[in-house]
Amino acid sequence: MQKPAKKETALAIARGVNVRIAPRKARLVADYIRGKNVRHVYAFLESYRRKANPIVLNILKSAVANAVSKNANLDEDKLYVSEAFVDEGMTLKRMRPRAMGRGIGKIEIERADKNLKVTMHVARPGIIIGRKGEEAEKLKKQLASLTSQTLILNIKEIKKVDTDAQIIAFNIAQQIQRRVAFRRVIKRSMQSAMRFNIKGCKIMISGRLNGAEIARTEWIREGTYSSAHPEN
């Protein structure tokens, strides 16, 4: 005796690739909607404000559209979420650590219609440009691979290195790592900056200074300064 044929279930799949959200937040929503009716899930995602809800809602709508395209007579009210899971996506490595020691003060990015202009303000342009511009060409190729726009790379030298906040902070951190007394380091940095007749300067450091068990914050200041523009 033949067994009765099992009724086939329509299956449609939709994916969100490299979505910029923490997997933990998306998993909370995925766990809730799993096994529930599509109409109920729509109401939930549209009524509650969570960062992951709009993202999951768009993916769900894509899955429903895929199901309808396969079967025009499909009743959407009978659809349900059979599976919903979240994996970690691609993680981009930070570019900053590679630049340590090259004295990068700041990077300006200007976007036009088809051009992307990147201007790097550095203390040691020779290190970044390299011999016959080899290092600059390598850097330009790496940056160009991240965008479809035409890349224009400019490298400018910082004339007054001792007044650049980013470079001062990097030099202080390097000296403290070499176990130089932090008070001597910040006073010396302050004196070097004030020699250029700037209006004022404030240097603040935090952490387990001098190897102390309890972290603390120390700071010194001189002259007048604006806390709204710490880079000046």
N, C-alpha and C. Protein backbone atom coordinates (compact mmCIF):
# COMPACT_ATOMS: atom_id res chain seq x y z
N MET A 1 0.84 -1.19 0.00
CA MET A 1 0.00 0.00 0.00
C MET A 1 0.88 1.25 0.00
N GLN A 2 0.63 2.14 -0.94
CA GLN A 2 1.44 3.34 -1.03
C GLN A 2 1.09 4.34 0.07
N LYS A 3 2.15 5.00 0.58
CA LYS A 3 1.94 6.05 1.58
C LYS A 3 1.45 7.32 0.90
N PRO A 4 0.55 8.04 1.55
CA PRO A 4 0.07 9.28 0.93
C PRO A 4 1.20 10.29 0.78
N ALA A 5 1.24 10.94 -0.36
CA ALA A 5 2.32 11.91 -0.63
C ALA A 5 2.20 13.10 0.31
N LYS A 6 3.37 13.52 0.81
CA LYS A 6 3.39 14.68 1.71
C LYS A 6 3.17 15.96 0.93
N LYS A 7 2.43 16.83 1.53
CA LYS A 7 2.15 18.12 0.90
C LYS A 7 3.39 18.99 0.94
N GLU A 8 3.83 19.45 -0.24
CA GLU A 8 5.04 20.26 -0.33
C GLU A 8 4.78 21.65 0.25
N THR A 9 5.78 22.14 0.97
CA THR A 9 5.69 23.47 1.57
C THR A 9 6.55 24.44 0.78
N ALA A 10 5.97 25.55 0.39
CA ALA A 10 6.73 26.57 -0.36
C ALA A 10 7.76 27.21 0.56
N LEU A 11 8.98 27.34 0.04
CA LEU A 11 10.07 27.89 0.82
C LEU A 11 10.70 29.05 0.06
N ALA A 12 10.85 30.15 0.73
CA ALA A 12 11.51 31.32 0.13
C ALA A 12 12.55 31.85 1.11
N ILE A 13 13.66 32.28 0.56
CA ILE A 13 14.79 32.71 1.39
C ILE A 13 15.18 34.13 1.02
N ALA A 14 15.55 34.91 2.02
CA ALA A 14 16.10 36.26 1.80
C ALA A 14 17.21 36.47 2.82
N ARG A 15 18.23 37.19 2.40
CA ARG A 15 19.40 37.41 3.26
C ARG A 15 19.75 38.89 3.29
N GLY A 16 20.31 39.28 4.42
CA GLY A 16 20.91 40.61 4.54
C GLY A 16 22.40 40.43 4.74
N VAL A 17 23.20 40.96 3.84
CA VAL A 17 24.65 40.73 3.86
C VAL A 17 25.36 41.99 4.36
N ASN A 18 26.29 41.78 5.31
CA ASN A 18 27.11 42.87 5.85
C ASN A 18 26.27 44.05 6.34
N VAL A 19 25.25 43.73 7.11
CA VAL A 19 24.39 44.76 7.70
C VAL A 19 25.10 45.35 8.91
N ARG A 20 25.13 46.66 9.00
CA ARG A 20 25.87 47.32 10.08
C ARG A 20 25.02 47.41 11.34
N ILE A 21 25.03 46.34 12.10
CA ILE A 21 24.34 46.29 13.38
C ILE A 21 24.97 45.19 14.21
N ALA A 22 24.95 45.34 15.52
CA ALA A 22 25.51 44.31 16.39
C ALA A 22 24.70 43.02 16.26
N PRO A 23 25.35 41.86 16.06
CA PRO A 23 24.63 40.60 15.92
C PRO A 23 23.72 40.30 17.11
N ARG A 24 24.15 40.70 18.30
CA ARG A 24 23.35 40.43 19.50
C ARG A 24 21.98 41.10 19.41
N LYS A 25 21.93 42.34 18.93
CA LYS A 25 20.66 43.05 18.82
C LYS A 25 19.75 42.41 17.77
N ALA A 26 20.35 41.99 16.65
CA ALA A 26 19.55 41.36 15.60
C ALA A 26 19.04 39.99 16.03
N ARG A 27 19.84 39.28 16.83
CA ARG A 27 19.42 37.93 17.28
C ARG A 27 18.20 38.00 18.19
N LEU A 28 18.10 39.05 18.99
CA LEU A 28 16.93 39.19 19.87
C LEU A 28 15.64 39.23 19.06
N VAL A 29 15.68 39.96 17.95
CA VAL A 29 14.50 40.05 17.08
C VAL A 29 14.28 38.74 16.34
N ALA A 30 15.37 38.13 15.85
CA ALA A 30 15.25 36.87 15.11
C ALA A 30 14.66 35.77 15.98
N ASP A 31 15.07 35.71 17.23
CA ASP A 31 14.55 34.68 18.14
C ASP A 31 13.05 34.88 18.39
N TYR A 32 12.62 36.12 18.42
CA TYR A 32 11.20 36.39 18.70
C TYR A 32 10.30 36.02 17.51
N ILE A 33 10.73 36.33 16.29
CA ILE A 33 9.86 36.14 15.13
C ILE A 33 9.88 34.72 14.60
N ARG A 34 10.83 33.92 15.04
CA ARG A 34 10.94 32.56 14.52
C ARG A 34 9.68 31.74 14.83
N GLY A 35 9.08 31.15 13.79
CA GLY A 35 7.90 30.30 13.95
C GLY A 35 6.58 31.05 13.98
N LYS A 36 6.61 32.36 13.84
CA LYS A 36 5.37 33.15 13.92
C LYS A 36 4.84 33.50 12.53
N ASN A 37 3.55 33.80 12.49
CA ASN A 37 2.88 34.19 11.26
C ASN A 37 3.44 35.51 10.73
N VAL A 38 3.53 35.63 9.41
CA VAL A 38 4.12 36.81 8.80
C VAL A 38 3.36 38.08 9.16
N ARG A 39 2.03 38.03 9.16
CA ARG A 39 1.25 39.21 9.50
C ARG A 39 1.52 39.66 10.93
N HIS A 40 1.64 38.71 11.83
CA HIS A 40 1.95 39.04 13.23
C HIS A 40 3.33 39.68 13.34
N VAL A 41 4.28 39.15 12.57
CA VAL A 41 5.64 39.68 12.59
C VAL A 41 5.67 41.09 12.02
N TYR A 42 4.92 41.33 10.94
CA TYR A 42 4.83 42.68 10.38
C TYR A 42 4.36 43.68 11.44
N ALA A 43 3.31 43.32 12.15
CA ALA A 43 2.75 44.22 13.16
C ALA A 43 3.76 44.49 14.27
N PHE A 44 4.49 43.46 14.66
CA PHE A 44 5.49 43.62 15.73
C PHE A 44 6.62 44.54 15.28
N LEU A 45 7.17 44.29 14.09
CA LEU A 45 8.32 45.06 13.62
C LEU A 45 7.97 46.51 13.34
N GLU A 46 6.74 46.78 12.95
CA GLU A 46 6.33 48.15 12.63
C GLU A 46 5.90 48.95 13.85
N SER A 47 5.52 48.27 14.92
CA SER A 47 5.00 48.98 16.09
C SER A 47 6.05 49.24 17.16
N TYR A 48 7.07 48.39 17.26
CA TYR A 48 8.08 48.56 18.30
C TYR A 48 9.34 49.18 17.70
N ARG A 49 9.90 50.16 18.42
CA ARG A 49 11.09 50.86 17.94
C ARG A 49 12.34 50.18 18.47
N ARG A 50 12.97 49.45 17.59
CA ARG A 50 14.27 48.86 17.89
C ARG A 50 15.15 49.05 16.66
N LYS A 51 16.43 49.13 16.88
CA LYS A 51 17.34 49.40 15.77
C LYS A 51 17.29 48.30 14.72
N ALA A 52 17.12 47.05 15.16
CA ALA A 52 17.14 45.93 14.22
C ALA A 52 15.83 45.75 13.48
N ASN A 53 14.73 46.31 13.99
CA ASN A 53 13.41 46.06 13.40
C ASN A 53 13.29 46.48 11.93
N PRO A 54 13.68 47.70 11.53
CA PRO A 54 13.57 48.06 10.11
C PRO A 54 14.40 47.16 9.20
N ILE A 55 15.57 46.74 9.69
CA ILE A 55 16.44 45.87 8.89
C ILE A 55 15.79 44.51 8.68
N VAL A 56 15.29 43.92 9.78
CA VAL A 56 14.64 42.61 9.69
C VAL A 56 13.36 42.71 8.85
N LEU A 57 12.65 43.82 8.97
CA LEU A 57 11.41 44.01 8.21
C LEU A 57 11.68 44.01 6.70
N ASN A 58 12.72 44.68 6.28
CA ASN A 58 13.06 44.71 4.85
C ASN A 58 13.44 43.33 4.33
N ILE A 59 14.19 42.58 5.14
CA ILE A 59 14.58 41.22 4.73
C ILE A 59 13.35 40.32 4.66
N LEU A 60 12.44 40.47 5.62
CA LEU A 60 11.22 39.67 5.62
C LEU A 60 10.36 39.98 4.39
N LYS A 61 10.24 41.26 4.05
CA LYS A 61 9.47 41.64 2.86
C LYS A 61 10.08 41.04 1.59
N SER A 62 11.40 40.97 1.54
CA SER A 62 12.07 40.36 0.39
C SER A 62 11.75 38.87 0.31
N ALA A 63 11.73 38.19 1.48
CA ALA A 63 11.41 36.77 1.50
C ALA A 63 9.97 36.52 1.04
N VAL A 64 9.04 37.37 1.49
CA VAL A 64 7.64 37.23 1.07
C VAL A 64 7.50 37.47 -0.43
N ALA A 65 8.20 38.48 -0.94
CA ALA A 65 8.15 38.77 -2.38
C ALA A 65 8.71 37.60 -3.19
N ASN A 66 9.77 36.96 -2.68
CA ASN A 66 10.33 35.80 -3.36
C ASN A 66 9.34 34.64 -3.38
N ALA A 67 8.62 34.47 -2.26
CA ALA A 67 7.63 33.39 -2.19
C ALA A 67 6.48 33.63 -3.16
N VAL A 68 6.02 34.86 -3.25
CA VAL A 68 4.91 35.19 -4.14
C VAL A 68 5.33 35.05 -5.60
N SER A 69 6.58 35.39 -5.91
CA SER A 69 7.06 35.28 -7.29
C SER A 69 7.12 33.83 -7.75
N LYS A 70 7.35 32.91 -6.81
CA LYS A 70 7.37 31.49 -7.15
C LYS A 70 5.97 30.92 -7.34
N ASN A 71 5.00 31.47 -6.60
CA ASN A 71 3.63 30.96 -6.65
C ASN A 71 2.67 32.15 -6.56
N ALA A 72 2.09 32.51 -7.69
CA ALA A 72 1.22 33.69 -7.72
C ALA A 72 -0.06 33.49 -6.92
N ASN A 73 -0.49 32.23 -6.74
CA ASN A 73 -1.73 31.94 -6.01
C ASN A 73 -1.51 31.78 -4.51
N LEU A 74 -0.33 32.14 -4.05
CA LEU A 74 0.01 31.93 -2.64
C LEU A 74 -0.77 32.90 -1.75
N ASP A 75 -1.26 32.38 -0.64
CA ASP A 75 -1.98 33.20 0.34
C ASP A 75 -0.97 33.72 1.36
N GLU A 76 -0.72 35.02 1.35
CA GLU A 76 0.29 35.59 2.25
C GLU A 76 -0.09 35.44 3.72
N ASP A 77 -1.38 35.35 4.01
CA ASP A 77 -1.81 35.22 5.40
C ASP A 77 -1.40 33.88 6.01
N LYS A 78 -1.08 32.90 5.17
CA LYS A 78 -0.70 31.58 5.67
C LYS A 78 0.81 31.41 5.78
N LEU A 79 1.55 32.42 5.39
CA LEU A 79 3.01 32.34 5.48
C LEU A 79 3.47 32.53 6.92
N TYR A 80 4.57 31.87 7.26
CA TYR A 80 5.15 32.02 8.58
C TYR A 80 6.67 31.96 8.47
N VAL A 81 7.34 32.44 9.50
CA VAL A 81 8.81 32.47 9.52
C VAL A 81 9.29 31.13 10.06
N SER A 82 9.80 30.30 9.18
CA SER A 82 10.25 28.97 9.61
C SER A 82 11.64 29.02 10.24
N GLU A 83 12.52 29.86 9.71
CA GLU A 83 13.87 29.99 10.24
C GLU A 83 14.28 31.45 10.23
N ALA A 84 15.01 31.84 11.23
CA ALA A 84 15.59 33.19 11.29
C ALA A 84 16.84 33.12 12.14
N PHE A 85 17.97 33.40 11.54
CA PHE A 85 19.22 33.33 12.30
C PHE A 85 20.15 34.45 11.85
N VAL A 86 21.09 34.78 12.72
CA VAL A 86 22.01 35.91 12.49
C VAL A 86 23.43 35.43 12.70
N ASP A 87 24.28 35.66 11.72
CA ASP A 87 25.71 35.36 11.82
C ASP A 87 26.49 36.67 11.82
N GLU A 88 27.70 36.60 12.32
CA GLU A 88 28.56 37.79 12.31
C GLU A 88 29.08 38.02 10.90
N GLY A 89 29.06 39.26 10.48
CA GLY A 89 29.53 39.61 9.15
C GLY A 89 31.01 39.91 9.12
N MET A 90 31.44 40.48 8.01
CA MET A 90 32.84 40.81 7.82
C MET A 90 33.24 41.95 8.75
N THR A 91 34.41 41.85 9.35
CA THR A 91 34.93 42.88 10.23
C THR A 91 36.07 43.59 9.52
N LEU A 92 35.95 44.90 9.37
CA LEU A 92 37.01 45.68 8.73
C LEU A 92 38.09 46.01 9.74
N LYS A 93 39.33 45.78 9.36
CA LYS A 93 40.44 46.10 10.24
C LYS A 93 40.65 47.61 10.28
N ARG A 94 41.01 48.10 11.44
CA ARG A 94 41.28 49.52 11.56
C ARG A 94 42.56 49.86 10.83
N MET A 95 42.55 51.01 10.17
CA MET A 95 43.74 51.43 9.43
C MET A 95 44.69 52.24 10.30
N ARG A 96 44.21 52.72 11.43
CA ARG A 96 45.03 53.61 12.24
C ARG A 96 46.32 52.96 12.77
N PRO A 97 46.30 51.70 13.29
CA PRO A 97 47.53 51.15 13.86
C PRO A 97 48.70 51.12 12.88
N ARG A 98 48.44 50.90 11.59
CA ARG A 98 49.52 50.86 10.61
C ARG A 98 50.20 52.21 10.48
N ALA A 99 49.48 53.27 10.77
CA ALA A 99 50.02 54.62 10.61
C ALA A 99 50.81 55.10 11.81
N MET A 100 50.88 54.29 12.88
CA MET A 100 51.60 54.72 14.07
C MET A 100 53.07 55.00 13.74
N GLY A 101 53.58 56.12 14.22
CA GLY A 101 54.96 56.49 13.97
C GLY A 101 55.14 57.36 12.74
N ARG A 102 54.09 57.51 11.93
CA ARG A 102 54.18 58.31 10.72
C ARG A 102 53.73 59.75 10.97
N GLY A 103 53.31 60.06 12.19
CA GLY A 103 52.98 61.43 12.54
C GLY A 103 51.79 61.99 11.79
N ILE A 104 50.69 61.24 11.74
CA ILE A 104 49.48 61.71 11.06
C ILE A 104 48.68 62.59 12.02
N GLY A 105 48.51 63.85 11.67
CA GLY A 105 47.75 64.78 12.50
C GLY A 105 46.26 64.65 12.28
N LYS A 106 45.83 64.76 11.02
CA LYS A 106 44.41 64.60 10.70
C LYS A 106 44.26 64.24 9.23
N ILE A 107 43.10 63.71 8.90
CA ILE A 107 42.78 63.31 7.53
C ILE A 107 41.48 63.98 7.13
N GLU A 108 41.51 64.72 6.04
CA GLU A 108 40.31 65.41 5.54
C GLU A 108 39.81 64.68 4.29
N ILE A 109 38.49 64.47 4.22
CA ILE A 109 37.88 63.78 3.09
C ILE A 109 36.83 64.71 2.47
N GLU A 110 37.00 64.98 1.19
CA GLU A 110 36.05 65.81 0.44
C GLU A 110 35.42 64.97 -0.67
N ARG A 111 34.09 64.95 -0.71
CA ARG A 111 33.38 64.15 -1.71
C ARG A 111 32.75 65.07 -2.76
N ALA A 112 33.04 64.81 -4.01
CA ALA A 112 32.41 65.50 -5.13
C ALA A 112 31.53 64.50 -5.87
N ASP A 113 31.10 64.85 -7.09
CA ASP A 113 30.21 63.96 -7.85
C ASP A 113 30.89 62.62 -8.15
N LYS A 114 32.06 62.69 -8.76
CA LYS A 114 32.75 61.46 -9.15
C LYS A 114 34.14 61.35 -8.54
N ASN A 115 34.52 62.32 -7.75
CA ASN A 115 35.86 62.35 -7.17
C ASN A 115 35.81 62.26 -5.65
N LEU A 116 36.82 61.63 -5.09
CA LEU A 116 36.98 61.55 -3.64
C LEU A 116 38.38 62.06 -3.32
N LYS A 117 38.44 63.23 -2.66
CA LYS A 117 39.72 63.86 -2.35
C LYS A 117 40.08 63.60 -0.90
N VAL A 118 41.23 62.97 -0.69
CA VAL A 118 41.72 62.65 0.65
C VAL A 118 43.00 63.43 0.89
N THR A 119 43.00 64.26 1.92
CA THR A 119 44.17 65.07 2.26
C THR A 119 44.69 64.63 3.62
N MET A 120 45.95 64.20 3.66
CA MET A 120 46.57 63.74 4.90
C MET A 120 47.56 64.80 5.38
N HIS A 121 47.39 65.25 6.61
CA HIS A 121 48.31 66.20 7.22
C HIS A 121 49.25 65.41 8.13
N VAL A 122 50.52 65.37 7.77
CA VAL A 122 51.47 64.49 8.46
C VAL A 122 52.70 65.27 8.87
N ALA A 123 53.38 64.74 9.90
CA ALA A 123 54.62 65.36 10.36
C ALA A 123 55.82 64.85 9.59
N ARG A 124 55.72 63.61 9.10
CA ARG A 124 56.83 63.00 8.36
C ARG A 124 56.34 62.53 6.99
N PRO A 125 56.18 63.42 6.05
CA PRO A 125 55.66 63.01 4.74
C PRO A 125 56.55 62.04 3.99
N GLY A 126 57.86 62.11 4.24
CA GLY A 126 58.78 61.21 3.55
C GLY A 126 58.52 59.75 3.83
N ILE A 127 58.09 59.43 5.06
CA ILE A 127 57.82 58.04 5.42
C ILE A 127 56.60 57.53 4.67
N ILE A 128 55.59 58.36 4.54
CA ILE A 128 54.36 57.94 3.86
C ILE A 128 54.54 57.91 2.35
N ILE A 129 55.26 58.89 1.80
CA ILE A 129 55.47 58.93 0.35
C ILE A 129 56.41 57.81 -0.08
N GLY A 130 57.45 57.57 0.70
CA GLY A 130 58.39 56.50 0.39
C GLY A 130 59.35 56.85 -0.73
N ARG A 131 60.17 55.87 -1.08
CA ARG A 131 61.17 56.08 -2.12
C ARG A 131 60.49 56.16 -3.49
N LYS A 132 60.70 57.27 -4.18
CA LYS A 132 60.10 57.52 -5.49
C LYS A 132 58.58 57.40 -5.47
N GLY A 133 58.00 57.66 -4.30
CA GLY A 133 56.54 57.66 -4.19
C GLY A 133 55.91 56.28 -4.15
N GLU A 134 56.71 55.24 -3.86
CA GLU A 134 56.19 53.87 -3.87
C GLU A 134 55.14 53.66 -2.78
N GLU A 135 55.43 54.12 -1.57
CA GLU A 135 54.49 53.92 -0.46
C GLU A 135 53.19 54.69 -0.69
N ALA A 136 53.29 55.88 -1.26
CA ALA A 136 52.08 56.66 -1.54
C ALA A 136 51.21 55.97 -2.58
N GLU A 137 51.84 55.35 -3.58
CA GLU A 137 51.07 54.63 -4.61
C GLU A 137 50.38 53.41 -4.02
N LYS A 138 51.06 52.70 -3.11
CA LYS A 138 50.45 51.54 -2.45
C LYS A 138 49.23 51.98 -1.64
N LEU A 139 49.41 53.08 -0.90
CA LEU A 139 48.30 53.59 -0.08
C LEU A 139 47.14 54.02 -0.96
N LYS A 140 47.44 54.65 -2.08
CA LYS A 140 46.38 55.11 -2.99
C LYS A 140 45.60 53.94 -3.56
N LYS A 141 46.29 52.85 -3.90
CA LYS A 141 45.62 51.66 -4.44
C LYS A 141 44.72 51.02 -3.39
N GLN A 142 45.20 50.98 -2.13
CA GLN A 142 44.39 50.40 -1.05
C GLN A 142 43.12 51.21 -0.83
N LEU A 143 43.26 52.53 -0.84
CA LEU A 143 42.09 53.38 -0.64
C LEU A 143 41.14 53.32 -1.84
N ALA A 144 41.71 53.25 -3.04
CA ALA A 144 40.88 53.20 -4.24
C ALA A 144 40.04 51.93 -4.31
N SER A 145 40.55 50.84 -3.70
CA SER A 145 39.80 49.58 -3.70
C SER A 145 38.56 49.64 -2.81
N LEU A 146 38.47 50.66 -1.95
CA LEU A 146 37.33 50.78 -1.03
C LEU A 146 36.22 51.66 -1.59
N THR A 147 36.44 52.27 -2.75
CA THR A 147 35.43 53.16 -3.30
C THR A 147 35.39 53.04 -4.82
N SER A 148 34.27 53.38 -5.40
CA SER A 148 34.14 53.37 -6.86
C SER A 148 34.43 54.74 -7.47
N GLN A 149 34.64 55.75 -6.63
CA GLN A 149 34.93 57.10 -7.11
C GLN A 149 36.41 57.24 -7.45
N THR A 150 36.72 58.25 -8.27
CA THR A 150 38.11 58.54 -8.60
C THR A 150 38.80 59.16 -7.39
N LEU A 151 39.89 58.54 -6.95
CA LEU A 151 40.56 58.97 -5.71
C LEU A 151 41.68 59.95 -6.02
N ILE A 152 41.70 61.04 -5.27
CA ILE A 152 42.78 62.03 -5.33
C ILE A 152 43.41 62.09 -3.95
N LEU A 153 44.69 61.72 -3.85
CA LEU A 153 45.39 61.67 -2.57
C LEU A 153 46.41 62.78 -2.48
N ASN A 154 46.29 63.62 -1.46
CA ASN A 154 47.24 64.70 -1.20
C ASN A 154 47.89 64.48 0.16
N ILE A 155 49.18 64.69 0.22
CA ILE A 155 49.93 64.54 1.48
C ILE A 155 50.60 65.87 1.79
N LYS A 156 50.20 66.49 2.90
CA LYS A 156 50.73 67.80 3.29
C LYS A 156 51.51 67.69 4.59
N GLU A 157 52.58 68.46 4.65
CA GLU A 157 53.43 68.45 5.85
C GLU A 157 52.89 69.43 6.89
N ILE A 158 52.90 68.99 8.15
CA ILE A 158 52.52 69.86 9.26
C ILE A 158 53.74 70.69 9.65
N LYS A 159 53.63 71.99 9.53
CA LYS A 159 54.78 72.86 9.77
C LYS A 159 55.13 72.94 11.26
N LYS A 160 54.09 73.10 12.11
CA LYS A 160 54.32 73.23 13.55
C LYS A 160 53.84 71.94 14.24
N VAL A 161 54.72 70.97 14.28
CA VAL A 161 54.36 69.65 14.82
C VAL A 161 54.01 69.73 16.30
N ASP A 162 54.71 70.58 17.04
CA ASP A 162 54.51 70.65 18.49
C ASP A 162 53.19 71.29 18.89
N THR A 163 52.42 71.81 17.92
CA THR A 163 51.12 72.41 18.24
C THR A 163 49.96 71.56 17.73
N ASP A 164 50.24 70.42 17.15
CA ASP A 164 49.17 69.54 16.65
C ASP A 164 48.73 68.59 17.76
N ALA A 165 47.44 68.64 18.12
CA ALA A 165 46.93 67.88 19.27
C ALA A 165 47.11 66.38 19.10
N GLN A 166 46.84 65.86 17.91
CA GLN A 166 46.93 64.42 17.69
C GLN A 166 48.36 63.92 17.83
N ILE A 167 49.31 64.65 17.28
CA ILE A 167 50.71 64.24 17.35
C ILE A 167 51.24 64.40 18.77
N ILE A 168 50.83 65.46 19.46
CA ILE A 168 51.24 65.63 20.87
C ILE A 168 50.75 64.45 21.70
N ALA A 169 49.50 64.05 21.51
CA ALA A 169 48.94 62.93 22.27
C ALA A 169 49.69 61.64 21.97
N PHE A 170 50.02 61.41 20.70
CA PHE A 170 50.75 60.19 20.34
C PHE A 170 52.13 60.17 20.97
N ASN A 171 52.85 61.30 20.92
CA ASN A 171 54.19 61.36 21.50
C ASN A 171 54.16 61.15 23.01
N ILE A 172 53.16 61.73 23.68
CA ILE A 172 53.03 61.53 25.13
C ILE A 172 52.78 60.06 25.45
N ALA A 173 51.89 59.43 24.70
CA ALA A 173 51.60 58.01 24.94
C ALA A 173 52.83 57.14 24.73
N GLN A 174 53.62 57.45 23.70
CA GLN A 174 54.83 56.67 23.43
C GLN A 174 55.83 56.79 24.58
N GLN A 175 55.99 57.99 25.11
CA GLN A 175 56.95 58.19 26.20
C GLN A 175 56.48 57.53 27.50
N ILE A 176 55.17 57.59 27.76
CA ILE A 176 54.65 56.94 28.97
C ILE A 176 54.80 55.43 28.88
N GLN A 177 54.63 54.87 27.68
CA GLN A 177 54.84 53.44 27.50
C GLN A 177 56.29 53.04 27.75
N ARG A 178 57.20 53.97 27.53
CA ARG A 178 58.62 53.71 27.82
C ARG A 178 58.96 54.01 29.27
N ARG A 179 57.92 54.24 30.08
CA ARG A 179 58.04 54.45 31.53
C ARG A 179 58.77 55.74 31.89
N VAL A 180 58.64 56.76 31.06
CA VAL A 180 59.13 58.09 31.42
C VAL A 180 58.11 58.72 32.36
N ALA A 181 58.56 59.46 33.37
CA ALA A 181 57.66 60.09 34.34
C ALA A 181 56.63 60.96 33.62
N PHE A 182 55.35 60.69 33.89
CA PHE A 182 54.29 61.35 33.12
C PHE A 182 54.25 62.86 33.34
N ARG A 183 54.55 63.32 34.56
CA ARG A 183 54.53 64.76 34.82
C ARG A 183 55.59 65.48 33.99
N ARG A 184 56.76 64.87 33.89
CA ARG A 184 57.82 65.47 33.09
C ARG A 184 57.43 65.51 31.61
N VAL A 185 56.76 64.45 31.16
CA VAL A 185 56.36 64.36 29.75
C VAL A 185 55.35 65.45 29.39
N ILE A 186 54.31 65.59 30.21
CA ILE A 186 53.26 66.56 29.85
C ILE A 186 53.75 68.00 30.02
N LYS A 187 54.63 68.25 30.99
CA LYS A 187 55.18 69.60 31.15
C LYS A 187 56.07 69.97 29.97
N ARG A 188 56.88 69.00 29.52
CA ARG A 188 57.75 69.25 28.38
C ARG A 188 56.94 69.50 27.11
N SER A 189 55.87 68.72 26.94
CA SER A 189 55.00 68.91 25.76
C SER A 189 54.31 70.26 25.81
N MET A 190 53.89 70.66 27.01
CA MET A 190 53.25 71.96 27.18
C MET A 190 54.22 73.10 26.83
N GLN A 191 55.44 73.02 27.31
CA GLN A 191 56.43 74.06 27.04
C GLN A 191 56.76 74.15 25.55
N SER A 192 56.85 72.98 24.90
CA SER A 192 57.15 72.97 23.46
C SER A 192 56.03 73.63 22.66
N ALA A 193 54.78 73.38 23.06
CA ALA A 193 53.64 73.97 22.35
C ALA A 193 53.55 75.47 22.58
N MET A 194 53.77 75.92 23.81
CA MET A 194 53.62 77.34 24.14
C MET A 194 54.73 78.19 23.52
N ARG A 195 55.82 77.58 23.09
CA ARG A 195 56.90 78.34 22.45
C ARG A 195 56.47 78.94 21.12
N PHE A 196 55.39 78.41 20.53
CA PHE A 196 54.92 78.89 19.23
C PHE A 196 53.87 79.99 19.38
N ASN A 197 53.80 80.59 20.58
CA ASN A 197 52.89 81.72 20.83
C ASN A 197 51.43 81.37 20.57
N ILE A 198 51.02 80.16 20.95
CA ILE A 198 49.61 79.81 20.85
C ILE A 198 48.86 80.41 22.03
N LYS A 199 47.54 80.54 21.92
CA LYS A 199 46.75 81.19 22.97
C LYS A 199 46.70 80.38 24.25
N GLY A 200 46.62 79.07 24.13
CA GLY A 200 46.54 78.24 25.32
C GLY A 200 46.57 76.77 24.97
N CYS A 201 46.73 75.96 26.00
CA CYS A 201 46.83 74.52 25.80
C CYS A 201 46.42 73.79 27.07
N LYS A 202 45.76 72.65 26.90
CA LYS A 202 45.40 71.79 28.02
C LYS A 202 45.75 70.36 27.65
N ILE A 203 46.44 69.67 28.54
CA ILE A 203 46.82 68.27 28.32
C ILE A 203 46.26 67.44 29.47
N MET A 204 45.50 66.41 29.14
CA MET A 204 44.89 65.54 30.14
C MET A 204 45.24 64.10 29.82
N ILE A 205 45.67 63.35 30.83
CA ILE A 205 45.97 61.93 30.66
C ILE A 205 45.24 61.14 31.73
N SER A 206 44.86 59.91 31.39
CA SER A 206 44.12 59.06 32.32
C SER A 206 44.68 57.65 32.28
N GLY A 207 44.51 56.93 33.37
CA GLY A 207 44.93 55.54 33.43
C GLY A 207 45.70 55.25 34.71
N ARG A 208 46.33 54.08 34.72
CA ARG A 208 47.14 53.68 35.88
C ARG A 208 48.52 54.32 35.75
N LEU A 209 48.59 55.58 36.09
CA LEU A 209 49.81 56.35 35.92
C LEU A 209 50.88 55.89 36.90
N ASN A 210 52.10 55.79 36.39
CA ASN A 210 53.25 55.31 37.18
C ASN A 210 53.00 53.93 37.78
N GLY A 211 52.16 53.13 37.13
CA GLY A 211 51.92 51.76 37.59
C GLY A 211 51.04 51.66 38.82
N ALA A 212 50.28 52.71 39.14
CA ALA A 212 49.43 52.69 40.33
C ALA A 212 48.31 51.67 40.16
N GLU A 213 47.80 51.16 41.29
CA GLU A 213 46.73 50.16 41.26
C GLU A 213 45.40 50.77 40.82
N ILE A 214 45.17 52.02 41.17
CA ILE A 214 43.90 52.69 40.86
C ILE A 214 44.14 53.72 39.76
N ALA A 215 43.30 53.68 38.73
CA ALA A 215 43.42 54.64 37.63
C ALA A 215 42.99 56.03 38.09
N ARG A 216 43.61 57.04 37.52
CA ARG A 216 43.25 58.41 37.87
C ARG A 216 43.49 59.30 36.65
N THR A 217 43.08 60.55 36.79
CA THR A 217 43.23 61.52 35.70
C THR A 217 44.08 62.69 36.18
N GLU A 218 45.05 63.07 35.39
CA GLU A 218 45.91 64.22 35.69
C GLU A 218 45.88 65.17 34.50
N TRP A 219 45.91 66.46 34.77
CA TRP A 219 45.92 67.42 33.68
C TRP A 219 46.61 68.70 34.08
N ILE A 220 47.11 69.40 33.06
CA ILE A 220 47.70 70.72 33.25
C ILE A 220 47.18 71.62 32.13
N ARG A 221 47.16 72.91 32.38
CA ARG A 221 46.72 73.84 31.34
C ARG A 221 47.47 75.16 31.49
N GLU A 222 47.48 75.88 30.40
CA GLU A 222 48.14 77.19 30.38
C GLU A 222 47.48 78.05 29.32
N GLY A 223 47.24 79.31 29.65
CA GLY A 223 46.62 80.22 28.71
C GLY A 223 45.12 79.98 28.59
N THR A 224 44.54 80.47 27.51
CA THR A 224 43.11 80.31 27.24
C THR A 224 42.92 79.38 26.05
N TYR A 225 41.85 78.61 26.09
CA TYR A 225 41.58 77.66 25.01
C TYR A 225 40.08 77.41 24.96
N SER A 226 39.62 76.88 23.85
CA SER A 226 38.21 76.54 23.66
C SER A 226 38.05 75.04 23.69
N SER A 227 37.24 74.55 24.62
CA SER A 227 37.02 73.10 24.72
C SER A 227 36.19 72.57 23.56
N ALA A 228 35.53 73.47 22.82
CA ALA A 228 34.70 73.03 21.68
C ALA A 228 35.55 72.65 20.48
N HIS A 229 36.81 73.11 20.44
CA HIS A 229 37.69 72.80 19.32
C HIS A 229 39.01 72.28 19.87
N PRO A 230 39.05 71.02 20.35
CA PRO A 230 40.26 70.51 20.98
C PRO A 230 41.41 70.32 20.02
N GLU A 231 41.13 70.31 18.69
CA GLU A 231 42.22 70.08 17.75
C GLU A 231 43.05 71.32 17.51
N ASN A 232 42.58 72.50 17.95
CA ASN A 232 43.31 73.75 17.68
C ASN A 232 44.34 74.02 18.76
